[in-house]
Amino acid sequence: MDDEGKAIVKSIGKAMQFWRKLEGLDQKEFSDRIGTSRSYVAKLENGHVGVSLGRISEIADALGVSPYTIMRGMPNDEELDILLDFYADRELEVTKAEMEVLFCQRFLNGSVPTEYYEHILCIERGGTYRCTPNGGKKKK
């Protein structure tokens, strides 16, 4: 496998790890859920083994996300921090489904500012293109 292929496999593995952790599962619990060993999950997450499209679909189903979300890989560190801050903000109450939408949106426009994610969250919640900042909720 060439360097680009290795980078793709590693990014897919990191996406699996991200969604597994967001689901609150350790590697053993997740391996039980998908019917494999913990060591195989570790190898997947670290990009040490390739994974078929069928297996990505099974993994995505076990994590409750789209296979597309897994295949898109991981955002850069700055964007990941923004997304995790949104998810952790108890006032916003971002659901897993909303998190998946935000996670995938970043690829449509490259690197995006926090305000973009706020705007998308507002629209996802049934708002308009003239949504208020912070996902439609005003911070106190």
C-alpha atoms as a PDB file:
ATOM      1  CA  MET A   1       0.000   0.000   0.000  1.00  0.00           C
ATOM      2  CA  ASP A   2       1.375   3.436  -0.903  1.00  0.00           C
ATOM      3  CA  ASP A   3       1.655   6.339   1.552  1.00  0.00           C
ATOM      4  CA  GLU A   4      -1.653   7.890   0.460  1.00  0.00           C
ATOM      5  CA  GLY A   5      -3.459   4.582   0.975  1.00  0.00           C
ATOM      6  CA  LYS A   6      -1.907   4.211   4.426  1.00  0.00           C
ATOM      7  CA  ALA A   7      -3.019   7.729   5.351  1.00  0.00           C
ATOM      8  CA  ILE A   8      -6.584   6.933   4.268  1.00  0.00           C
ATOM      9  CA  VAL A   9      -6.677   3.681   6.267  1.00  0.00           C
ATOM     10  CA  LYS A  10      -5.310   5.491   9.322  1.00  0.00           C
ATOM     11  CA  SER A  11      -7.880   8.300   8.998  1.00  0.00           C
ATOM     12  CA  ILE A  12     -10.725   5.771   8.728  1.00  0.00           C
ATOM     13  CA  GLY A  13      -9.371   3.999  11.809  1.00  0.00           C
ATOM     14  CA  LYS A  14      -9.241   7.257  13.765  1.00  0.00           C
ATOM     15  CA  ALA A  15     -12.840   8.001  12.748  1.00  0.00           C
ATOM     16  CA  MET A  16     -13.880   4.579  14.072  1.00  0.00           C
ATOM     17  CA  GLN A  17     -12.069   5.327  17.321  1.00  0.00           C
ATOM     18  CA  PHE A  18     -13.710   8.760  17.592  1.00  0.00           C
ATOM     19  CA  TRP A  19     -17.250   7.401  17.195  1.00  0.00           C
ATOM     20  CA  ARG A  20     -16.522   4.414  19.473  1.00  0.00           C
ATOM     21  CA  LYS A  21     -15.374   6.759  22.244  1.00  0.00           C
ATOM     22  CA  LEU A  22     -18.297   9.099  21.647  1.00  0.00           C
ATOM     23  CA  GLU A  23     -20.538   6.062  22.097  1.00  0.00           C
ATOM     24  CA  GLY A  24     -18.812   5.439  25.457  1.00  0.00           C
ATOM     25  CA  LEU A  25     -17.372   2.050  24.504  1.00  0.00           C
ATOM     26  CA  ASP A  26     -13.911   0.710  25.234  1.00  0.00           C
ATOM     27  CA  GLN A  27     -12.187  -1.473  22.646  1.00  0.00           C
ATOM     28  CA  LYS A  28     -13.306  -4.719  24.321  1.00  0.00           C
ATOM     29  CA  GLU A  29     -16.963  -3.692  24.476  1.00  0.00           C
ATOM     30  CA  PHE A  30     -16.857  -2.570  20.871  1.00  0.00           C
ATOM     31  CA  SER A  31     -15.081  -5.735  19.703  1.00  0.00           C
ATOM     32  CA  ASP A  32     -17.823  -7.795  21.377  1.00  0.00           C
ATOM     33  CA  ARG A  33     -20.458  -5.694  19.615  1.00  0.00           C
ATOM     34  CA  ILE A  34     -18.968  -6.325  16.163  1.00  0.00           C
ATOM     35  CA  GLY A  35     -17.913  -9.918  16.820  1.00  0.00           C
ATOM     36  CA  THR A  36     -14.137  -9.606  16.673  1.00  0.00           C
ATOM     37  CA  SER A  37     -11.157  -9.356  18.997  1.00  0.00           C
ATOM     38  CA  ARG A  38     -10.004  -6.292  20.915  1.00  0.00           C
ATOM     39  CA  SER A  39      -6.605  -6.538  19.231  1.00  0.00           C
ATOM     40  CA  TYR A  40      -8.239  -6.366  15.783  1.00  0.00           C
ATOM     41  CA  VAL A  41     -10.134  -3.233  16.825  1.00  0.00           C
ATOM     42  CA  ALA A  42      -6.842  -1.711  18.030  1.00  0.00           C
ATOM     43  CA  LYS A  43      -5.197  -2.543  14.693  1.00  0.00           C
ATOM     44  CA  LEU A  44      -8.123  -1.004  12.784  1.00  0.00           C
ATOM     45  CA  GLU A  45      -8.058   2.164  14.855  1.00  0.00           C
ATOM     46  CA  ASN A  46      -4.309   2.570  14.447  1.00  0.00           C
ATOM     47  CA  GLY A  47      -4.432   1.991  10.690  1.00  0.00           C
ATOM     48  CA  HIS A  48      -2.353  -1.179  10.856  1.00  0.00           C
ATOM     49  CA  VAL A  49      -4.874  -3.230   8.869  1.00  0.00           C
ATOM     50  CA  GLY A  50      -7.119  -2.368   5.974  1.00  0.00           C
ATOM     51  CA  VAL A  51     -10.859  -2.700   6.179  1.00  0.00           C
ATOM     52  CA  SER A  52     -13.412  -3.674   3.537  1.00  0.00           C
ATOM     53  CA  LEU A  53     -16.443  -1.588   2.645  1.00  0.00           C
ATOM     54  CA  GLY A  54     -18.656  -4.336   4.033  1.00  0.00           C
ATOM     55  CA  ARG A  55     -16.838  -4.246   7.347  1.00  0.00           C
ATOM     56  CA  ILE A  56     -17.024  -0.431   7.439  1.00  0.00           C
ATOM     57  CA  SER A  57     -20.778  -0.767   6.992  1.00  0.00           C
ATOM     58  CA  GLU A  58     -21.001  -3.246   9.894  1.00  0.00           C
ATOM     59  CA  ILE A  59     -18.855  -1.012  12.110  1.00  0.00           C
ATOM     60  CA  ALA A  60     -20.876   2.083  11.238  1.00  0.00           C
ATOM     61  CA  ASP A  61     -24.114   0.229  11.999  1.00  0.00           C
ATOM     62  CA  ALA A  62     -22.742  -0.858  15.386  1.00  0.00           C
ATOM     63  CA  LEU A  63     -21.827   2.768  16.142  1.00  0.00           C
ATOM     64  CA  GLY A  64     -25.121   4.184  14.891  1.00  0.00           C
ATOM     65  CA  VAL A  65     -23.575   6.348  12.167  1.00  0.00           C
ATOM     66  CA  SER A  66     -23.468   6.252   8.388  1.00  0.00           C
ATOM     67  CA  PRO A  67     -20.659   4.331   6.649  1.00  0.00           C
ATOM     68  CA  TYR A  68     -20.043   7.594   4.784  1.00  0.00           C
ATOM     69  CA  THR A  69     -19.220   9.258   8.113  1.00  0.00           C
ATOM     70  CA  ILE A  70     -16.598   6.621   8.885  1.00  0.00           C
ATOM     71  CA  MET A  71     -15.105   6.771   5.397  1.00  0.00           C
ATOM     72  CA  ARG A  72     -14.731  10.554   5.549  1.00  0.00           C
ATOM     73  CA  GLY A  73     -12.038  10.121   8.185  1.00  0.00           C
ATOM     74  CA  MET A  74     -11.097  12.648  10.820  1.00  0.00           C
ATOM     75  CA  PRO A  75     -11.048  16.432  10.872  1.00  0.00           C
ATOM     76  CA  ASN A  76      -7.872  18.312  11.704  1.00  0.00           C
ATOM     77  CA  ASP A  77      -7.127  18.918  15.391  1.00  0.00           C
ATOM     78  CA  GLU A  78      -8.594  22.434  15.447  1.00  0.00           C
ATOM     79  CA  GLU A  79     -11.881  21.337  13.887  1.00  0.00           C
ATOM     80  CA  LEU A  80     -12.038  18.279  16.129  1.00  0.00           C
ATOM     81  CA  ASP A  81     -11.694  20.516  19.193  1.00  0.00           C
ATOM     82  CA  ILE A  82     -14.532  22.722  17.925  1.00  0.00           C
ATOM     83  CA  LEU A  83     -16.779  19.698  17.302  1.00  0.00           C
ATOM     84  CA  LEU A  84     -16.035  18.179  20.701  1.00  0.00           C
ATOM     85  CA  ASP A  85     -16.728  21.526  22.391  1.00  0.00           C
ATOM     86  CA  PHE A  86     -20.129  21.610  20.693  1.00  0.00           C
ATOM     87  CA  TYR A  87     -20.902  18.077  21.840  1.00  0.00           C
ATOM     88  CA  ALA A  88     -19.773  18.789  25.413  1.00  0.00           C
ATOM     89  CA  ASP A  89     -21.765  22.036  25.700  1.00  0.00           C
ATOM     90  CA  ARG A  90     -24.707  20.991  27.865  1.00  0.00           C
ATOM     91  CA  GLU A  91     -26.612  24.151  26.975  1.00  0.00           C
ATOM     92  CA  LEU A  92     -26.591  23.249  23.276  1.00  0.00           C
ATOM     93  CA  GLU A  93     -27.572  19.610  23.926  1.00  0.00           C
ATOM     94  CA  VAL A  94     -26.077  18.414  20.635  1.00  0.00           C
ATOM     95  CA  THR A  95     -27.357  14.941  19.769  1.00  0.00           C
ATOM     96  CA  LYS A  96     -25.262  12.224  18.196  1.00  0.00           C
ATOM     97  CA  ALA A  97     -27.197  12.623  14.932  1.00  0.00           C
ATOM     98  CA  GLU A  98     -26.481  16.367  14.918  1.00  0.00           C
ATOM     99  CA  MET A  99     -22.852  15.657  15.706  1.00  0.00           C
ATOM    100  CA  GLU A 100     -22.673  13.394  12.666  1.00  0.00           C
ATOM    101  CA  VAL A 101     -24.083  16.167  10.447  1.00  0.00           C
ATOM    102  CA  LEU A 102     -21.515  18.643  11.785  1.00  0.00           C
ATOM    103  CA  PHE A 103     -18.737  16.070  11.467  1.00  0.00           C
ATOM    104  CA  CYS A 104     -19.484  15.532   7.777  1.00  0.00           C
ATOM    105  CA  GLN A 105     -20.139  19.183   6.919  1.00  0.00           C
ATOM    106  CA  ARG A 106     -16.525  20.185   7.374  1.00  0.00           C
ATOM    107  CA  PHE A 107     -15.562  18.407   4.155  1.00  0.00           C
ATOM    108  CA  LEU A 108     -17.874  20.419   1.992  1.00  0.00           C
ATOM    109  CA  ASN A 109     -16.047  23.669   2.626  1.00  0.00           C
ATOM    110  CA  GLY A 110     -12.608  22.733   3.960  1.00  0.00           C
ATOM    111  CA  SER A 111     -11.621  24.289   7.274  1.00  0.00           C
ATOM    112  CA  VAL A 112     -14.528  26.216   8.738  1.00  0.00           C
ATOM    113  CA  PRO A 113     -15.008  28.575  11.690  1.00  0.00           C
ATOM    114  CA  THR A 114     -17.103  27.879  14.776  1.00  0.00           C
ATOM    115  CA  GLU A 115     -19.867  30.149  13.468  1.00  0.00           C
ATOM    116  CA  TYR A 116     -20.361  27.851  10.486  1.00  0.00           C
ATOM    117  CA  TYR A 117     -21.015  24.882  12.768  1.00  0.00           C
ATOM    118  CA  GLU A 118     -23.414  27.017  14.819  1.00  0.00           C
ATOM    119  CA  HIS A 119     -25.253  27.964  11.642  1.00  0.00           C
ATOM    120  CA  ILE A 120     -25.497  24.358  10.425  1.00  0.00           C
ATOM    121  CA  LEU A 121     -26.715  23.214  13.849  1.00  0.00           C
ATOM    122  CA  CYS A 122     -29.437  25.844  13.803  1.00  0.00           C
ATOM    123  CA  ILE A 123     -30.591  24.821  10.315  1.00  0.00           C
ATOM    124  CA  GLU A 124     -30.491  21.145  11.305  1.00  0.00           C
ATOM    125  CA  ARG A 125     -32.863  22.000  14.163  1.00  0.00           C
ATOM    126  CA  GLY A 126     -35.401  23.456  11.766  1.00  0.00           C
ATOM    127  CA  GLY A 127     -34.193  27.052  11.730  1.00  0.00           C
ATOM    128  CA  THR A 128     -33.693  29.305   8.776  1.00  0.00           C
ATOM    129  CA  TYR A 129     -30.628  30.722   7.119  1.00  0.00           C
ATOM    130  CA  ARG A 130     -30.946  33.676   9.480  1.00  0.00           C
ATOM    131  CA  CYS A 131     -30.417  31.629  12.623  1.00  0.00           C
ATOM    132  CA  THR A 132     -29.061  33.108  15.805  1.00  0.00           C
ATOM    133  CA  PRO A 133     -25.525  32.123  16.828  1.00  0.00           C
ATOM    134  CA  ASN A 134     -24.836  29.126  19.093  1.00  0.00           C
ATOM    135  CA  GLY A 135     -27.042  26.632  17.329  1.00  0.00           C
ATOM    136  CA  GLY A 136     -30.203  28.654  17.811  1.00  0.00           C
ATOM    137  CA  LYS A 137     -29.805  29.010  21.567  1.00  0.00           C
ATOM    138  CA  LYS A 138     -28.640  32.212  23.119  1.00  0.00           C
ATOM    139  CA  LYS A 139     -25.874  31.869  25.669  1.00  0.00           C
ATOM    140  CA  LYS A 140     -26.543  33.516  29.013  1.00  0.00           C
END
